[in-house]
Amino acid sequence: MKNPFPAPITPTWLIHNILTPHQRDFAANAINQHDKLAGLWAHVETFIAEQEISCPESVSQCDRIILNAYTFIEGCCDIVGYRANDPAWKPEEES
């Protein structure tokens, strides 16, 4: 009997050939979230390496780290996404 699955089976192949529409949406979202997390992790590691952050004190004692934090935060938002311009959005109440 011939193997009906391609070799290797990729997540994309699974999404388009086996899963229901709801499962496809869920899987695509999970893959997208994984990619965002991997990108964010790489961004943080790069910042730590470039700024030579070796301990918590480095952050508070080195002005260059704080000055470069603005670009770092913008990079994080570029990866994760910015808050949608939603008039119903309200910040969480502090408890």
N, C-alpha and C. Protein backbone atom coordinates (compact mmCIF):
# COMPACT_ATOMS: atom_id res chain seq x y z
N MET A 1 0.84 -1.17 0.00
CA MET A 1 0.00 0.00 0.00
C MET A 1 0.89 1.24 0.00
N LYS A 2 0.54 2.21 -0.82
CA LYS A 2 1.32 3.43 -0.94
C LYS A 2 1.02 4.35 0.24
N ASN A 3 2.07 4.97 0.78
CA ASN A 3 1.92 5.90 1.89
C ASN A 3 1.22 7.16 1.37
N PRO A 4 0.06 7.52 1.92
CA PRO A 4 -0.69 8.68 1.43
C PRO A 4 -0.11 10.01 1.92
N PHE A 5 0.82 9.95 2.86
CA PHE A 5 1.38 11.17 3.43
C PHE A 5 2.68 11.55 2.73
N PRO A 6 2.89 12.85 2.52
CA PRO A 6 4.16 13.27 1.94
C PRO A 6 5.28 13.08 2.96
N ALA A 7 6.48 12.99 2.49
CA ALA A 7 7.61 12.87 3.41
C ALA A 7 8.46 14.12 3.27
N PRO A 8 8.76 14.83 4.29
CA PRO A 8 8.21 14.70 5.64
C PRO A 8 6.85 15.40 5.74
N ILE A 9 6.11 15.01 6.75
CA ILE A 9 4.83 15.67 7.00
C ILE A 9 5.14 17.00 7.68
N THR A 10 4.71 18.08 7.07
CA THR A 10 4.98 19.41 7.61
C THR A 10 3.73 19.95 8.28
N PRO A 11 3.89 20.92 9.19
CA PRO A 11 2.71 21.52 9.80
C PRO A 11 1.77 22.14 8.76
N THR A 12 2.34 22.72 7.72
CA THR A 12 1.51 23.32 6.67
C THR A 12 0.67 22.26 5.98
N TRP A 13 1.28 21.11 5.67
CA TRP A 13 0.55 20.04 5.03
C TRP A 13 -0.60 19.56 5.92
N LEU A 14 -0.31 19.40 7.22
CA LEU A 14 -1.35 18.98 8.16
C LEU A 14 -2.49 19.98 8.21
N ILE A 15 -2.15 21.25 8.27
CA ILE A 15 -3.17 22.30 8.37
C ILE A 15 -4.11 22.24 7.17
N HIS A 16 -3.56 22.03 5.99
CA HIS A 16 -4.38 22.10 4.78
C HIS A 16 -5.03 20.77 4.37
N ASN A 17 -4.59 19.65 4.92
CA ASN A 17 -5.09 18.37 4.44
C ASN A 17 -5.82 17.51 5.46
N ILE A 18 -5.62 17.72 6.73
CA ILE A 18 -6.24 16.82 7.70
C ILE A 18 -7.21 17.55 8.62
N LEU A 19 -6.87 18.73 9.03
CA LEU A 19 -7.63 19.40 10.07
C LEU A 19 -8.95 19.99 9.56
N THR A 20 -9.89 20.12 10.48
CA THR A 20 -11.14 20.80 10.17
C THR A 20 -10.86 22.30 10.08
N PRO A 21 -11.77 23.10 9.53
CA PRO A 21 -11.54 24.54 9.46
C PRO A 21 -11.23 25.17 10.82
N HIS A 22 -11.95 24.76 11.86
CA HIS A 22 -11.69 25.30 13.20
C HIS A 22 -10.29 24.90 13.68
N GLN A 23 -9.93 23.64 13.46
CA GLN A 23 -8.60 23.18 13.85
C GLN A 23 -7.52 23.88 13.05
N ARG A 24 -7.79 24.15 11.75
CA ARG A 24 -6.82 24.87 10.91
C ARG A 24 -6.56 26.26 11.47
N ASP A 25 -7.64 26.96 11.85
CA ASP A 25 -7.47 28.29 12.43
C ASP A 25 -6.67 28.24 13.72
N PHE A 26 -7.00 27.26 14.57
CA PHE A 26 -6.29 27.11 15.83
C PHE A 26 -4.81 26.81 15.59
N ALA A 27 -4.52 25.89 14.69
CA ALA A 27 -3.14 25.51 14.40
C ALA A 27 -2.36 26.67 13.79
N ALA A 28 -2.99 27.39 12.86
CA ALA A 28 -2.32 28.52 12.23
C ALA A 28 -2.01 29.59 13.27
N ASN A 29 -2.94 29.82 14.20
CA ASN A 29 -2.71 30.80 15.26
C ASN A 29 -1.59 30.34 16.18
N ALA A 30 -1.56 29.05 16.50
CA ALA A 30 -0.50 28.52 17.36
C ALA A 30 0.87 28.66 16.70
N ILE A 31 0.94 28.38 15.41
CA ILE A 31 2.20 28.52 14.69
C ILE A 31 2.62 29.98 14.67
N ASN A 32 1.66 30.88 14.43
CA ASN A 32 1.96 32.31 14.42
C ASN A 32 2.45 32.77 15.79
N GLN A 33 1.81 32.32 16.86
CA GLN A 33 2.24 32.69 18.21
C GLN A 33 3.63 32.14 18.51
N HIS A 34 3.89 30.92 18.07
CA HIS A 34 5.22 30.33 18.28
C HIS A 34 6.28 31.16 17.55
N ASP A 35 5.98 31.56 16.32
CA ASP A 35 6.93 32.37 15.56
C ASP A 35 7.18 33.72 16.24
N LYS A 36 6.11 34.32 16.78
CA LYS A 36 6.28 35.58 17.49
C LYS A 36 7.13 35.40 18.74
N LEU A 37 6.87 34.34 19.50
CA LEU A 37 7.66 34.09 20.70
C LEU A 37 9.12 33.82 20.37
N ALA A 38 9.37 33.06 19.32
CA ALA A 38 10.75 32.78 18.92
C ALA A 38 11.44 34.07 18.48
N GLY A 39 10.73 34.92 17.74
CA GLY A 39 11.30 36.20 17.32
C GLY A 39 11.56 37.12 18.49
N LEU A 40 10.64 37.15 19.45
CA LEU A 40 10.81 37.98 20.64
C LEU A 40 11.99 37.49 21.47
N TRP A 41 12.10 36.18 21.63
CA TRP A 41 13.22 35.60 22.38
C TRP A 41 14.55 35.98 21.72
N ALA A 42 14.64 35.87 20.42
CA ALA A 42 15.87 36.23 19.70
C ALA A 42 16.18 37.72 19.86
N HIS A 43 15.13 38.55 19.82
CA HIS A 43 15.30 40.00 19.99
C HIS A 43 15.87 40.32 21.37
N VAL A 44 15.34 39.68 22.41
CA VAL A 44 15.82 39.90 23.77
C VAL A 44 17.26 39.41 23.91
N GLU A 45 17.54 38.22 23.40
CA GLU A 45 18.91 37.70 23.49
C GLU A 45 19.91 38.62 22.79
N THR A 46 19.53 39.16 21.63
CA THR A 46 20.40 40.07 20.89
C THR A 46 20.65 41.33 21.70
N PHE A 47 19.60 41.88 22.30
CA PHE A 47 19.76 43.09 23.11
C PHE A 47 20.69 42.83 24.29
N ILE A 48 20.50 41.72 24.98
CA ILE A 48 21.35 41.38 26.13
C ILE A 48 22.81 41.26 25.69
N ALA A 49 23.04 40.61 24.57
CA ALA A 49 24.42 40.44 24.08
C ALA A 49 25.02 41.77 23.64
N GLU A 50 24.27 42.56 22.88
CA GLU A 50 24.80 43.84 22.39
C GLU A 50 25.07 44.82 23.52
N GLN A 51 24.24 44.80 24.55
CA GLN A 51 24.41 45.73 25.68
C GLN A 51 25.31 45.15 26.76
N GLU A 52 25.75 43.91 26.57
CA GLU A 52 26.63 43.23 27.52
C GLU A 52 26.03 43.22 28.93
N ILE A 53 24.76 42.85 29.02
CA ILE A 53 24.08 42.78 30.31
C ILE A 53 24.43 41.45 30.96
N SER A 54 25.14 41.54 32.08
CA SER A 54 25.59 40.32 32.75
C SER A 54 24.93 40.11 34.10
N CYS A 55 24.22 41.13 34.61
CA CYS A 55 23.55 41.02 35.89
C CYS A 55 22.50 42.13 36.00
N PRO A 56 21.58 42.03 36.96
CA PRO A 56 20.54 43.06 37.09
C PRO A 56 21.11 44.46 37.32
N GLU A 57 22.22 44.56 38.01
CA GLU A 57 22.80 45.87 38.30
C GLU A 57 23.24 46.58 37.03
N SER A 58 23.59 45.82 35.99
CA SER A 58 24.01 46.43 34.72
C SER A 58 22.93 47.36 34.19
N VAL A 59 21.69 46.96 34.34
CA VAL A 59 20.58 47.74 33.78
C VAL A 59 20.47 49.09 34.47
N SER A 60 20.58 49.11 35.78
CA SER A 60 20.42 50.37 36.50
C SER A 60 21.68 51.22 36.53
N GLN A 61 22.83 50.64 36.25
CA GLN A 61 24.08 51.39 36.37
C GLN A 61 24.67 51.82 35.03
N CYS A 62 24.12 51.36 33.92
CA CYS A 62 24.69 51.70 32.60
C CYS A 62 23.68 52.53 31.81
N ASP A 63 24.00 53.80 31.62
CA ASP A 63 23.09 54.69 30.90
C ASP A 63 22.83 54.23 29.48
N ARG A 64 23.83 53.62 28.83
CA ARG A 64 23.66 53.20 27.43
C ARG A 64 22.54 52.18 27.30
N ILE A 65 22.33 51.35 28.33
CA ILE A 65 21.26 50.35 28.27
C ILE A 65 19.90 51.04 28.28
N ILE A 66 19.73 52.02 29.16
CA ILE A 66 18.46 52.74 29.24
C ILE A 66 18.24 53.53 27.95
N LEU A 67 19.28 54.15 27.42
CA LEU A 67 19.14 54.91 26.18
C LEU A 67 18.74 54.01 25.01
N ASN A 68 19.26 52.81 24.99
CA ASN A 68 18.94 51.86 23.91
C ASN A 68 17.64 51.10 24.16
N ALA A 69 17.06 51.26 25.35
CA ALA A 69 15.82 50.56 25.67
C ALA A 69 14.66 51.03 24.79
N TYR A 70 14.68 52.30 24.37
CA TYR A 70 13.60 52.80 23.53
C TYR A 70 13.52 52.02 22.21
N THR A 71 14.66 51.81 21.60
CA THR A 71 14.71 51.04 20.35
C THR A 71 14.33 49.59 20.61
N PHE A 72 14.78 49.07 21.75
CA PHE A 72 14.45 47.69 22.12
C PHE A 72 12.93 47.52 22.26
N ILE A 73 12.28 48.45 22.95
CA ILE A 73 10.84 48.36 23.16
C ILE A 73 10.10 48.47 21.83
N GLU A 74 10.57 49.36 20.96
CA GLU A 74 9.94 49.47 19.64
C GLU A 74 10.08 48.16 18.88
N GLY A 75 11.24 47.52 18.98
CA GLY A 75 11.44 46.22 18.33
C GLY A 75 10.51 45.16 18.88
N CYS A 76 10.29 45.18 20.20
CA CYS A 76 9.35 44.23 20.82
C CYS A 76 7.95 44.43 20.26
N CYS A 77 7.53 45.70 20.15
CA CYS A 77 6.20 46.00 19.62
C CYS A 77 6.09 45.61 18.14
N ASP A 78 7.18 45.78 17.40
CA ASP A 78 7.16 45.37 15.99
C ASP A 78 6.94 43.87 15.86
N ILE A 79 7.49 43.10 16.79
CA ILE A 79 7.35 41.64 16.75
C ILE A 79 5.98 41.20 17.25
N VAL A 80 5.60 41.67 18.42
CA VAL A 80 4.37 41.22 19.07
C VAL A 80 3.14 41.92 18.49
N GLY A 81 3.30 43.18 18.16
CA GLY A 81 2.20 43.97 17.63
C GLY A 81 1.85 45.10 18.58
N TYR A 82 1.27 46.11 18.02
CA TYR A 82 0.87 47.27 18.79
C TYR A 82 -0.59 47.11 19.21
N ARG A 83 -0.98 47.82 20.25
CA ARG A 83 -2.37 47.77 20.70
C ARG A 83 -3.24 48.39 19.62
N ALA A 84 -4.32 47.72 19.32
CA ALA A 84 -5.25 48.23 18.31
C ALA A 84 -5.89 49.52 18.81
N ASN A 85 -6.20 50.39 17.90
CA ASN A 85 -6.84 51.65 18.27
C ASN A 85 -8.32 51.37 18.53
N ASP A 86 -8.58 50.84 19.71
CA ASP A 86 -9.92 50.40 20.09
C ASP A 86 -10.48 51.35 21.15
N PRO A 87 -11.53 52.10 20.84
CA PRO A 87 -12.08 53.04 21.82
C PRO A 87 -12.62 52.36 23.07
N ALA A 88 -12.96 51.08 22.98
CA ALA A 88 -13.48 50.35 24.15
C ALA A 88 -12.37 49.86 25.06
N TRP A 89 -11.11 49.95 24.61
CA TRP A 89 -10.00 49.46 25.42
C TRP A 89 -9.80 50.35 26.63
N LYS A 90 -9.65 49.72 27.79
CA LYS A 90 -9.37 50.45 29.03
C LYS A 90 -8.24 49.72 29.74
N PRO A 91 -7.30 50.46 30.31
CA PRO A 91 -6.23 49.78 31.05
C PRO A 91 -6.80 49.03 32.24
N GLU A 92 -6.11 47.98 32.62
CA GLU A 92 -6.56 47.20 33.79
C GLU A 92 -6.42 48.04 35.03
N GLU A 93 -7.37 47.90 35.93
CA GLU A 93 -7.34 48.62 37.20
C GLU A 93 -6.25 48.02 38.07
N GLU A 94 -5.50 48.88 38.75
CA GLU A 94 -4.51 48.38 39.70
C GLU A 94 -5.23 47.97 40.97
N SER A 95 -4.81 46.82 41.52
CA SER A 95 -5.48 46.36 42.74
C SER A 95 -4.61 46.56 43.95
